Amino acid sequence: MSIVKINALTVPAEQREVLEQRFASRAGAVEGSDGFEWFELLRPVEGTDQYLVYTRWRSEEDFQAWMEGPMKAAHQGGGGGGERPKPAASGSSVWSFEVVQQAAPKPQG
């Protein structure tokens, strides 16, 4: 089955809008990657200041290929000579999981 990578980003309250705008502006950046299955940006509601970036992949190899290719290039900037913006998150940790069970809604009707 698939693997899941969750990046837990600690985001100060004053940077939340910046983070969300940055993710919105990069929409489509991962969707064409081989082995990519799903993405969600989860905003904290209570009990934490961490955003969760959820991605699901066909395999660890597919995730690593994306990390070494498109993702690495995106984080290094496009070489436009401009200064890179300050990160919106003050901390980050990546959690890895294997999907061992899954369920989807049953069709109605």
PDB file of N, CA and C in Angstrom:
ATOM      1  N   MET A   1       0.818  -1.189   0.000  1.00  0.00           N
ATOM      2  CA  MET A   1       0.000   0.000   0.000  1.00  0.00           C
ATOM      3  C   MET A   1       0.863   1.254   0.000  1.00  0.00           C
ATOM      4  N   SER A   2       0.220   2.373   0.034  1.00  0.00           N
ATOM      5  CA  SER A   2       0.851   3.688  -0.054  1.00  0.00           C
ATOM      6  C   SER A   2       1.638   4.037   1.203  1.00  0.00           C
ATOM      7  N   ILE A   3       2.406   5.124   1.091  1.00  0.00           N
ATOM      8  CA  ILE A   3       3.065   5.719   2.248  1.00  0.00           C
ATOM      9  C   ILE A   3       2.557   7.146   2.416  1.00  0.00           C
ATOM     10  N   VAL A   4       2.619   7.624   3.647  1.00  0.00           N
ATOM     11  CA  VAL A   4       2.171   8.984   3.971  1.00  0.00           C
ATOM     12  C   VAL A   4       3.333   9.726   4.611  1.00  0.00           C
ATOM     13  N   LYS A   5       3.524  10.971   4.195  1.00  0.00           N
ATOM     14  CA  LYS A   5       4.505  11.862   4.805  1.00  0.00           C
ATOM     15  C   LYS A   5       3.739  13.051   5.361  1.00  0.00           C
ATOM     16  N   ILE A   6       3.949  13.333   6.637  1.00  0.00           N
ATOM     17  CA  ILE A   6       3.309  14.480   7.276  1.00  0.00           C
ATOM     18  C   ILE A   6       4.409  15.405   7.772  1.00  0.00           C
ATOM     19  N   ASN A   7       4.410  16.624   7.258  1.00  0.00           N
ATOM     20  CA  ASN A   7       5.359  17.632   7.691  1.00  0.00           C
ATOM     21  C   ASN A   7       4.641  18.526   8.689  1.00  0.00           C
ATOM     22  N   ALA A   8       5.074  18.482   9.954  1.00  0.00           N
ATOM     23  CA  ALA A   8       4.480  19.302  11.004  1.00  0.00           C
ATOM     24  C   ALA A   8       5.247  20.618  11.067  1.00  0.00           C
ATOM     25  N   LEU A   9       4.569  21.708  10.697  1.00  0.00           N
ATOM     26  CA  LEU A   9       5.193  23.028  10.633  1.00  0.00           C
ATOM     27  C   LEU A   9       4.709  23.896  11.789  1.00  0.00           C
ATOM     28  N   THR A  10       5.636  24.369  12.600  1.00  0.00           N
ATOM     29  CA  THR A  10       5.292  25.307  13.663  1.00  0.00           C
ATOM     30  C   THR A  10       5.224  26.697  13.037  1.00  0.00           C
ATOM     31  N   VAL A  11       4.040  27.311  13.108  1.00  0.00           N
ATOM     32  CA  VAL A  11       3.814  28.585  12.424  1.00  0.00           C
ATOM     33  C   VAL A  11       3.273  29.614  13.418  1.00  0.00           C
ATOM     34  N   PRO A  12       4.030  30.691  13.658  1.00  0.00           N
ATOM     35  CA  PRO A  12       3.513  31.751  14.530  1.00  0.00           C
ATOM     36  C   PRO A  12       2.228  32.343  13.952  1.00  0.00           C
ATOM     37  N   ALA A  13       1.340  32.796  14.808  1.00  0.00           N
ATOM     38  CA  ALA A  13       0.034  33.316  14.380  1.00  0.00           C
ATOM     39  C   ALA A  13       0.162  34.374  13.293  1.00  0.00           C
ATOM     40  N   GLU A  14       1.157  35.253  13.402  1.00  0.00           N
ATOM     41  CA  GLU A  14       1.295  36.334  12.426  1.00  0.00           C
ATOM     42  C   GLU A  14       1.792  35.843  11.066  1.00  0.00           C
ATOM     43  N   GLN A  15       2.215  34.587  10.962  1.00  0.00           N
ATOM     44  CA  GLN A  15       2.726  34.042   9.702  1.00  0.00           C
ATOM     45  C   GLN A  15       1.746  33.070   9.029  1.00  0.00           C
ATOM     46  N   ARG A  16       0.624  32.790   9.670  1.00  0.00           N
ATOM     47  CA  ARG A  16      -0.329  31.814   9.131  1.00  0.00           C
ATOM     48  C   ARG A  16      -0.812  32.178   7.729  1.00  0.00           C
ATOM     49  N   GLU A  17      -1.221  33.415   7.549  1.00  0.00           N
ATOM     50  CA  GLU A  17      -1.726  33.847   6.244  1.00  0.00           C
ATOM     51  C   GLU A  17      -0.632  33.745   5.178  1.00  0.00           C
ATOM     52  N   VAL A  18       0.597  34.098   5.550  1.00  0.00           N
ATOM     53  CA  VAL A  18       1.730  34.005   4.622  1.00  0.00           C
ATOM     54  C   VAL A  18       1.921  32.556   4.180  1.00  0.00           C
ATOM     55  N   LEU A  19       1.934  31.638   5.142  1.00  0.00           N
ATOM     56  CA  LEU A  19       2.102  30.217   4.828  1.00  0.00           C
ATOM     57  C   LEU A  19       1.013  29.726   3.881  1.00  0.00           C
ATOM     58  N   GLU A  20      -0.229  30.034   4.196  1.00  0.00           N
ATOM     59  CA  GLU A  20      -1.351  29.575   3.366  1.00  0.00           C
ATOM     60  C   GLU A  20      -1.277  30.155   1.957  1.00  0.00           C
ATOM     61  N   GLN A  21      -0.880  31.421   1.839  1.00  0.00           N
ATOM     62  CA  GLN A  21      -0.747  32.038   0.521  1.00  0.00           C
ATOM     63  C   GLN A  21       0.370  31.381  -0.283  1.00  0.00           C
ATOM     64  N   ARG A  22       1.456  31.044   0.380  1.00  0.00           N
ATOM     65  CA  ARG A  22       2.560  30.385  -0.324  1.00  0.00           C
ATOM     66  C   ARG A  22       2.146  29.017  -0.847  1.00  0.00           C
ATOM     67  N   PHE A  23       1.410  28.266  -0.041  1.00  0.00           N
ATOM     68  CA  PHE A  23       0.937  26.964  -0.517  1.00  0.00           C
ATOM     69  C   PHE A  23      -0.072  27.133  -1.651  1.00  0.00           C
ATOM     70  N   ALA A  24      -0.939  28.132  -1.550  1.00  0.00           N
ATOM     71  CA  ALA A  24      -1.921  28.370  -2.616  1.00  0.00           C
ATOM     72  C   ALA A  24      -1.228  28.736  -3.922  1.00  0.00           C
ATOM     73  N   SER A  25      -0.146  29.501  -3.840  1.00  0.00           N
ATOM     74  CA  SER A  25       0.538  29.945  -5.052  1.00  0.00           C
ATOM     75  C   SER A  25       1.331  28.822  -5.714  1.00  0.00           C
ATOM     76  N   ARG A  26       1.602  27.760  -4.986  1.00  0.00           N
ATOM     77  CA  ARG A  26       2.329  26.639  -5.560  1.00  0.00           C
ATOM     78  C   ARG A  26       1.385  25.482  -5.932  1.00  0.00           C
ATOM     79  N   ALA A  27       0.098  25.752  -5.930  1.00  0.00           N
ATOM     80  CA  ALA A  27      -0.877  24.719  -6.293  1.00  0.00           C
ATOM     81  C   ALA A  27      -0.508  24.119  -7.642  1.00  0.00           C
ATOM     82  N   GLY A  28      -0.513  22.816  -7.715  1.00  0.00           N
ATOM     83  CA  GLY A  28      -0.170  22.123  -8.943  1.00  0.00           C
ATOM     84  C   GLY A  28       1.279  21.687  -9.007  1.00  0.00           C
ATOM     85  N   ALA A  29       2.107  22.130  -8.061  1.00  0.00           N
ATOM     86  CA  ALA A  29       3.539  21.826  -8.109  1.00  0.00           C
ATOM     87  C   ALA A  29       3.854  20.350  -7.886  1.00  0.00           C
ATOM     88  N   VAL A  30       3.019  19.639  -7.167  1.00  0.00           N
ATOM     89  CA  VAL A  30       3.305  18.241  -6.859  1.00  0.00           C
ATOM     90  C   VAL A  30       2.395  17.276  -7.621  1.00  0.00           C
ATOM     91  N   GLU A  31       1.261  17.753  -8.074  1.00  0.00           N
ATOM     92  CA  GLU A  31       0.228  16.876  -8.632  1.00  0.00           C
ATOM     93  C   GLU A  31       0.680  16.045  -9.826  1.00  0.00           C
ATOM     94  N   GLY A  32       1.633  16.520 -10.609  1.00  0.00           N
ATOM     95  CA  GLY A  32       2.091  15.774 -11.769  1.00  0.00           C
ATOM     96  C   GLY A  32       3.241  14.821 -11.480  1.00  0.00           C
ATOM     97  N   SER A  33       3.671  14.750 -10.232  1.00  0.00           N
ATOM     98  CA  SER A  33       4.814  13.909  -9.880  1.00  0.00           C
ATOM     99  C   SER A  33       4.438  12.436  -9.903  1.00  0.00           C
ATOM    100  N   ASP A  34       5.349  11.625 -10.431  1.00  0.00           N
ATOM    101  CA  ASP A  34       5.121  10.187 -10.513  1.00  0.00           C
ATOM    102  C   ASP A  34       4.936   9.611  -9.115  1.00  0.00           C
ATOM    103  N   GLY A  35       3.879   8.864  -8.919  1.00  0.00           N
ATOM    104  CA  GLY A  35       3.615   8.224  -7.643  1.00  0.00           C
ATOM    105  C   GLY A  35       2.852   9.073  -6.642  1.00  0.00           C
ATOM    106  N   PHE A  36       2.612  10.346  -6.958  1.00  0.00           N
ATOM    107  CA  PHE A  36       1.862  11.224  -6.054  1.00  0.00           C
ATOM    108  C   PHE A  36       0.401  10.790  -6.024  1.00  0.00           C
ATOM    109  N   GLU A  37      -0.197  10.737  -4.817  1.00  0.00           N
ATOM    110  CA  GLU A  37      -1.594  10.325  -4.678  1.00  0.00           C
ATOM    111  C   GLU A  37      -2.493  11.370  -4.017  1.00  0.00           C
ATOM    112  N   TRP A  38      -1.970  12.171  -3.068  1.00  0.00           N
ATOM    113  CA  TRP A  38      -2.854  13.084  -2.344  1.00  0.00           C
ATOM    114  C   TRP A  38      -2.061  14.146  -1.620  1.00  0.00           C
ATOM    115  N   PHE A  39      -2.658  15.339  -1.451  1.00  0.00           N
ATOM    116  CA  PHE A  39      -2.081  16.443  -0.681  1.00  0.00           C
ATOM    117  C   PHE A  39      -3.186  17.124   0.112  1.00  0.00           C
ATOM    118  N   GLU A  40      -2.867  17.520   1.339  1.00  0.00           N
ATOM    119  CA  GLU A  40      -3.751  18.366   2.141  1.00  0.00           C
ATOM    120  C   GLU A  40      -2.887  19.261   3.029  1.00  0.00           C
ATOM    121  N   LEU A  41      -3.269  20.524   3.135  1.00  0.00           N
ATOM    122  CA  LEU A  41      -2.684  21.443   4.108  1.00  0.00           C
ATOM    123  C   LEU A  41      -3.719  21.602   5.210  1.00  0.00           C
ATOM    124  N   LEU A  42      -3.357  21.205   6.430  1.00  0.00           N
ATOM    125  CA  LEU A  42      -4.293  21.222   7.552  1.00  0.00           C
ATOM    126  C   LEU A  42      -3.955  22.367   8.499  1.00  0.00           C
ATOM    127  N   ARG A  43      -4.913  23.280   8.680  1.00  0.00           N
ATOM    128  CA  ARG A  43      -4.751  24.436   9.572  1.00  0.00           C
ATOM    129  C   ARG A  43      -5.155  24.032  10.993  1.00  0.00           C
ATOM    130  N   PRO A  44      -4.350  24.386  12.005  1.00  0.00           N
ATOM    131  CA  PRO A  44      -4.726  24.056  13.376  1.00  0.00           C
ATOM    132  C   PRO A  44      -5.947  24.856  13.823  1.00  0.00           C
ATOM    133  N   VAL A  45      -6.814  24.208  14.571  1.00  0.00           N
ATOM    134  CA  VAL A  45      -8.016  24.862  15.087  1.00  0.00           C
ATOM    135  C   VAL A  45      -7.873  25.143  16.579  1.00  0.00           C
ATOM    136  N   GLU A  46      -7.347  24.143  17.317  1.00  0.00           N
ATOM    137  CA  GLU A  46      -7.134  24.342  18.745  1.00  0.00           C
ATOM    138  C   GLU A  46      -6.085  23.357  19.250  1.00  0.00           C
ATOM    139  N   GLY A  47      -5.403  23.728  20.312  1.00  0.00           N
ATOM    140  CA  GLY A  47      -4.473  22.832  20.966  1.00  0.00           C
ATOM    141  C   GLY A  47      -3.068  22.783  20.390  1.00  0.00           C
ATOM    142  N   THR A  48      -2.822  23.462  19.287  1.00  0.00           N
ATOM    143  CA  THR A  48      -1.487  23.461  18.691  1.00  0.00           C
ATOM    144  C   THR A  48      -1.342  24.642  17.742  1.00  0.00           C
ATOM    145  N   ASP A  49      -0.101  25.002  17.463  1.00  0.00           N
ATOM    146  CA  ASP A  49       0.156  26.030  16.452  1.00  0.00           C
ATOM    147  C   ASP A  49       0.798  25.389  15.225  1.00  0.00           C
ATOM    148  N   GLN A  50       0.758  24.064  15.138  1.00  0.00           N
ATOM    149  CA  GLN A  50       1.370  23.365  14.015  1.00  0.00           C
ATOM    150  C   GLN A  50       0.386  23.107  12.885  1.00  0.00           C
ATOM    151  N   TYR A  51       0.791  23.506  11.684  1.00  0.00           N
ATOM    152  CA  TYR A  51       0.094  23.108  10.467  1.00  0.00           C
ATOM    153  C   TYR A  51       0.622  21.732  10.097  1.00  0.00           C
ATOM    154  N   LEU A  52      -0.217  20.911   9.492  1.00  0.00           N
ATOM    155  CA  LEU A  52       0.221  19.609   8.991  1.00  0.00           C
ATOM    156  C   LEU A  52       0.115  19.614   7.474  1.00  0.00           C
ATOM    157  N   VAL A  53       1.207  19.254   6.822  1.00  0.00           N
ATOM    158  CA  VAL A  53       1.232  19.114   5.367  1.00  0.00           C
ATOM    159  C   VAL A  53       1.219  17.615   5.101  1.00  0.00           C
ATOM    160  N   TYR A  54       0.084  17.126   4.603  1.00  0.00           N
ATOM    161  CA  TYR A  54      -0.134  15.688   4.398  1.00  0.00           C
ATOM    162  C   TYR A  54       0.050  15.362   2.917  1.00  0.00           C
ATOM    163  N   THR A  55       0.979  14.462   2.629  1.00  0.00           N
ATOM    164  CA  THR A  55       1.102  13.955   1.267  1.00  0.00           C
ATOM    165  C   THR A  55       1.098  12.435   1.310  1.00  0.00           C
ATOM    166  N   ARG A  56       0.518  11.857   0.262  1.00  0.00           N
ATOM    167  CA  ARG A  56       0.432  10.401   0.148  1.00  0.00           C
ATOM    168  C   ARG A  56       1.070   9.997  -1.172  1.00  0.00           C
ATOM    169  N   TRP A  57       1.876   8.940  -1.128  1.00  0.00           N
ATOM    170  CA  TRP A  57       2.671   8.496  -2.265  1.00  0.00           C
ATOM    171  C   TRP A  57       2.525   7.004  -2.496  1.00  0.00           C
ATOM    172  N   ARG A  58       2.718   6.581  -3.717  1.00  0.00           N
ATOM    173  CA  ARG A  58       2.658   5.152  -4.081  1.00  0.00           C
ATOM    174  C   ARG A  58       3.761   4.375  -3.363  1.00  0.00           C
ATOM    175  N   SER A  59       4.952   5.005  -3.216  1.00  0.00           N
ATOM    176  CA  SER A  59       6.079   4.304  -2.592  1.00  0.00           C
ATOM    177  C   SER A  59       7.070   5.319  -2.014  1.00  0.00           C
ATOM    178  N   GLU A  60       7.948   4.836  -1.157  1.00  0.00           N
ATOM    179  CA  GLU A  60       9.023   5.669  -0.609  1.00  0.00           C
ATOM    180  C   GLU A  60       9.935   6.159  -1.730  1.00  0.00           C
ATOM    181  N   GLU A  61      10.162   5.321  -2.717  1.00  0.00           N
ATOM    182  CA  GLU A  61      11.014   5.694  -3.846  1.00  0.00           C
ATOM    183  C   GLU A  61      10.428   6.870  -4.624  1.00  0.00           C
ATOM    184  N   ASP A  62       9.106   6.867  -4.824  1.00  0.00           N
ATOM    185  CA  ASP A  62       8.457   7.985  -5.517  1.00  0.00           C
ATOM    186  C   ASP A  62       8.603   9.279  -4.722  1.00  0.00           C
ATOM    187  N   PHE A  63       8.427   9.196  -3.409  1.00  0.00           N
ATOM    188  CA  PHE A  63       8.582  10.370  -2.561  1.00  0.00           C
ATOM    189  C   PHE A  63      10.012  10.897  -2.635  1.00  0.00           C
ATOM    190  N   GLN A  64      11.000  10.012  -2.531  1.00  0.00           N
ATOM    191  CA  GLN A  64      12.403  10.428  -2.565  1.00  0.00           C
ATOM    192  C   GLN A  64      12.756  11.053  -3.915  1.00  0.00           C
ATOM    193  N   ALA A  65      12.217  10.502  -5.005  1.00  0.00           N
ATOM    194  CA  ALA A  65      12.472  11.070  -6.336  1.00  0.00           C
ATOM    195  C   ALA A  65      11.933  12.495  -6.416  1.00  0.00           C
ATOM    196  N   TRP A  66      10.759  12.733  -5.843  1.00  0.00           N
ATOM    197  CA  TRP A  66      10.191  14.087  -5.822  1.00  0.00           C
ATOM    198  C   TRP A  66      11.036  15.015  -4.947  1.00  0.00           C
ATOM    199  N   MET A  67      11.486  14.507  -3.796  1.00  0.00           N
ATOM    200  CA  MET A  67      12.316  15.317  -2.889  1.00  0.00           C
ATOM    201  C   MET A  67      13.621  15.732  -3.555  1.00  0.00           C
ATOM    202  N   GLU A  68      14.215  14.847  -4.335  1.00  0.00           N
ATOM    203  CA  GLU A  68      15.508  15.128  -4.963  1.00  0.00           C
ATOM    204  C   GLU A  68      15.378  15.900  -6.271  1.00  0.00           C
ATOM    205  N   GLY A  69      14.170  15.941  -6.823  1.00  0.00           N
ATOM    206  CA  GLY A  69      13.965  16.638  -8.092  1.00  0.00           C
ATOM    207  C   GLY A  69      13.158  17.903  -7.926  1.00  0.00           C
ATOM    208  N   PRO A  70      11.851  17.837  -8.230  1.00  0.00           N
ATOM    209  CA  PRO A  70      10.998  19.031  -8.224  1.00  0.00           C
ATOM    210  C   PRO A  70      10.960  19.780  -6.886  1.00  0.00           C
ATOM    211  N   MET A  71      10.909  19.062  -5.772  1.00  0.00           N
ATOM    212  CA  MET A  71      10.810  19.735  -4.475  1.00  0.00           C
ATOM    213  C   MET A  71      12.102  20.478  -4.160  1.00  0.00           C
ATOM    214  N   LYS A  72      13.226  19.861  -4.416  1.00  0.00           N
ATOM    215  CA  LYS A  72      14.527  20.491  -4.153  1.00  0.00           C
ATOM    216  C   LYS A  72      14.686  21.749  -5.004  1.00  0.00           C
ATOM    217  N   ALA A  73      14.315  21.656  -6.271  1.00  0.00           N
ATOM    218  CA  ALA A  73      14.420  22.807  -7.175  1.00  0.00           C
ATOM    219  C   ALA A  73      13.520  23.955  -6.712  1.00  0.00           C
ATOM    220  N   ALA A  74      12.291  23.622  -6.261  1.00  0.00           N
ATOM    221  CA  ALA A  74      11.354  24.656  -5.808  1.00  0.00           C
ATOM    222  C   ALA A  74      11.883  25.392  -4.584  1.00  0.00           C
ATOM    223  N   HIS A  75      12.524  24.676  -3.675  1.00  0.00           N
ATOM    224  CA  HIS A  75      13.025  25.311  -2.456  1.00  0.00           C
ATOM    225  C   HIS A  75      14.344  26.044  -2.665  1.00  0.00           C
ATOM    226  N   GLN A  76      15.031  25.791  -3.766  1.00  0.00           N
ATOM    227  CA  GLN A  76      16.268  26.507  -4.050  1.00  0.00           C
ATOM    228  C   GLN A  76      16.004  27.787  -4.819  1.00  0.00           C
ATOM    229  N   GLY A  77      14.791  27.976  -5.261  1.00  0.00           N
ATOM    230  CA  GLY A  77      14.438  29.190  -5.992  1.00  0.00           C
ATOM    231  C   GLY A  77      14.758  29.051  -7.458  1.00  0.00           C
ATOM    232  N   GLY A  78      14.214  29.937  -8.249  1.00  0.00           N
ATOM    233  CA  GLY A  78      14.348  29.851  -9.694  1.00  0.00           C
ATOM    234  C   GLY A  78      15.565  30.538 -10.257  1.00  0.00           C
ATOM    235  N   GLY A  79      16.465  30.997  -9.408  1.00  0.00           N
ATOM    236  CA  GLY A  79      17.672  31.642  -9.907  1.00  0.00           C
ATOM    237  C   GLY A  79      17.417  33.022 -10.483  1.00  0.00           C
ATOM    238  N   GLY A  80      16.340  33.679 -10.065  1.00  0.00           N
ATOM    239  CA  GLY A  80      16.009  34.986 -10.599  1.00  0.00           C
ATOM    240  C   GLY A  80      16.825  36.117 -10.012  1.00  0.00           C
ATOM    241  N   GLY A  81      17.767  35.776  -9.118  1.00  0.00           N
ATOM    242  CA  GLY A  81      18.626  36.805  -8.559  1.00  0.00           C
ATOM    243  C   GLY A  81      18.006  37.525  -7.370  1.00  0.00           C
ATOM    244  N   GLY A  82      16.704  37.344  -7.146  1.00  0.00           N
ATOM    245  CA  GLY A  82      16.046  37.997  -6.021  1.00  0.00           C
ATOM    246  C   GLY A  82      16.323  37.272  -4.725  1.00  0.00           C
ATOM    247  N   GLU A  83      16.125  37.956  -3.632  1.00  0.00           N
ATOM    248  CA  GLU A  83      16.321  37.353  -2.329  1.00  0.00           C
ATOM    249  C   GLU A  83      15.147  36.443  -2.006  1.00  0.00           C
ATOM    250  N   ARG A  84      15.447  35.272  -1.462  1.00  0.00           N
ATOM    251  CA  ARG A  84      14.385  34.337  -1.096  1.00  0.00           C
ATOM    252  C   ARG A  84      13.615  34.869   0.109  1.00  0.00           C
ATOM    253  N   PRO A  85      12.290  34.693   0.123  1.00  0.00           N
ATOM    254  CA  PRO A  85      11.514  35.173   1.267  1.00  0.00           C
ATOM    255  C   PRO A  85      11.829  34.380   2.535  1.00  0.00           C
ATOM    256  N   LYS A  86      11.670  35.022   3.652  1.00  0.00           N
ATOM    257  CA  LYS A  86      11.884  34.391   4.957  1.00  0.00           C
ATOM    258  C   LYS A  86      10.859  33.266   5.145  1.00  0.00           C
ATOM    259  N   PRO A  87      11.270  32.112   5.689  1.00  0.00           N
ATOM    260  CA  PRO A  87      10.315  31.031   5.918  1.00  0.00           C
ATOM    261  C   PRO A  87       9.176  31.473   6.843  1.00  0.00           C
ATOM    262  N   ALA A  88       7.974  30.990   6.572  1.00  0.00           N
ATOM    263  CA  ALA A  88       6.822  31.317   7.412  1.00  0.00           C
ATOM    264  C   ALA A  88       6.800  30.451   8.674  1.00  0.00           C
ATOM    265  N   ALA A  89       7.377  29.257   8.593  1.00  0.00           N
ATOM    266  CA  ALA A  89       7.398  28.347   9.738  1.00  0.00           C
ATOM    267  C   ALA A  89       8.677  28.547  10.536  1.00  0.00           C
ATOM    268  N   SER A  90       8.569  28.371  11.853  1.00  0.00           N
ATOM    269  CA  SER A  90       9.745  28.499  12.704  1.00  0.00           C
ATOM    270  C   SER A  90      10.342  27.146  13.048  1.00  0.00           C
ATOM    271  N   GLY A  91       9.679  26.072  12.662  1.00  0.00           N
ATOM    272  CA  GLY A  91      10.176  24.725  12.925  1.00  0.00           C
ATOM    273  C   GLY A  91       9.441  23.718  12.068  1.00  0.00           C
ATOM    274  N   SER A  92      10.082  22.556  11.859  1.00  0.00           N
ATOM    275  CA  SER A  92       9.492  21.543  10.987  1.00  0.00           C
ATOM    276  C   SER A  92       9.998  20.167  11.379  1.00  0.00           C
ATOM    277  N   SER A  93       9.120  19.171  11.332  1.00  0.00           N
ATOM    278  CA  SER A  93       9.537  17.778  11.477  1.00  0.00           C
ATOM    279  C   SER A  93       8.658  16.932  10.565  1.00  0.00           C
ATOM    280  N   VAL A  94       9.263  15.912   9.967  1.00  0.00           N
ATOM    281  CA  VAL A  94       8.550  15.056   9.020  1.00  0.00           C
ATOM    282  C   VAL A  94       8.297  13.702   9.670  1.00  0.00           C
ATOM    283  N   TRP A  95       7.043  13.271   9.591  1.00  0.00           N
ATOM    284  CA  TRP A  95       6.644  11.964  10.101  1.00  0.00           C
ATOM    285  C   TRP A  95       6.330  11.070   8.915  1.00  0.00           C
ATOM    286  N   SER A  96       6.725   9.793   9.001  1.00  0.00           N
ATOM    287  CA  SER A  96       6.492   8.845   7.909  1.00  0.00           C
ATOM    288  C   SER A  96       5.634   7.686   8.395  1.00  0.00           C
ATOM    289  N   PHE A  97       4.692   7.283   7.539  1.00  0.00           N
ATOM    290  CA  PHE A  97       3.785   6.194   7.865  1.00  0.00           C
ATOM    291  C   PHE A  97       3.561   5.315   6.646  1.00  0.00           C
ATOM    292  N   GLU A  98       3.232   4.047   6.887  1.00  0.00           N
ATOM    293  CA  GLU A  98       2.762   3.158   5.835  1.00  0.00           C
ATOM    294  C   GLU A  98       1.261   3.006   6.022  1.00  0.00           C
ATOM    295  N   VAL A  99       0.525   3.022   4.940  1.00  0.00           N
ATOM    296  CA  VAL A  99      -0.915   2.800   5.011  1.00  0.00           C
ATOM    297  C   VAL A  99      -1.134   1.295   5.121  1.00  0.00           C
ATOM    298  N   VAL A 100      -1.762   0.845   6.213  1.00  0.00           N
ATOM    299  CA  VAL A 100      -2.026  -0.579   6.385  1.00  0.00           C
ATOM    300  C   VAL A 100      -3.509  -0.911   6.258  1.00  0.00           C
ATOM    301  N   GLN A 101      -4.363   0.099   6.422  1.00  0.00           N
ATOM    302  CA  GLN A 101      -5.786  -0.070   6.212  1.00  0.00           C
ATOM    303  C   GLN A 101      -6.330   1.246   5.679  1.00  0.00           C
ATOM    304  N   GLN A 102      -7.378   1.147   4.870  1.00  0.00           N
ATOM    305  CA  GLN A 102      -8.031   2.360   4.380  1.00  0.00           C
ATOM    306  C   GLN A 102      -9.491   2.046   4.091  1.00  0.00           C
ATOM    307  N   ALA A 103     -10.295   3.085   4.058  1.00  0.00           N
ATOM    308  CA  ALA A 103     -11.724   2.945   3.754  1.00  0.00           C
ATOM    309  C   ALA A 103     -12.170   4.190   3.015  1.00  0.00           C
ATOM    310  N   ALA A 104     -13.172   4.037   2.215  1.00  0.00           N
ATOM    311  CA  ALA A 104     -13.789   5.140   1.485  1.00  0.00           C
ATOM    312  C   ALA A 104     -15.296   5.044   1.689  1.00  0.00           C
ATOM    313  N   PRO A 105     -16.014   6.147   1.502  1.00  0.00           N
ATOM    314  CA  PRO A 105     -17.471   6.085   1.647  1.00  0.00           C
ATOM    315  C   PRO A 105     -18.072   5.081   0.661  1.00  0.00           C
ATOM    316  N   LYS A 106     -19.126   4.416   1.107  1.00  0.00           N
ATOM    317  CA  LYS A 106     -19.842   3.509   0.221  1.00  0.00           C
ATOM    318  C   LYS A 106     -20.747   4.327  -0.697  1.00  0.00           C
ATOM    319  N   PRO A 107     -20.870   3.922  -1.947  1.00  0.00           N
ATOM    320  CA  PRO A 107     -21.770   4.638  -2.862  1.00  0.00           C
ATOM    321  C   PRO A 107     -23.204   4.617  -2.329  1.00  0.00           C
ATOM    322  N   GLN A 108     -23.857   5.753  -2.419  1.00  0.00           N
ATOM    323  CA  GLN A 108     -25.252   5.848  -1.980  1.00  0.00           C
ATOM    324  C   GLN A 108     -26.188   5.505  -3.150  1.00  0.00           C
ATOM    325  N   GLY A 109     -27.268   4.873  -2.836  1.00  0.00           N
ATOM    326  CA  GLY A 109     -28.242   4.663  -3.883  1.00  0.00           C
ATOM    327  C   GLY A 109     -28.555   3.285  -4.080  1.00  0.00           C
TER     328      GLY A 109
END
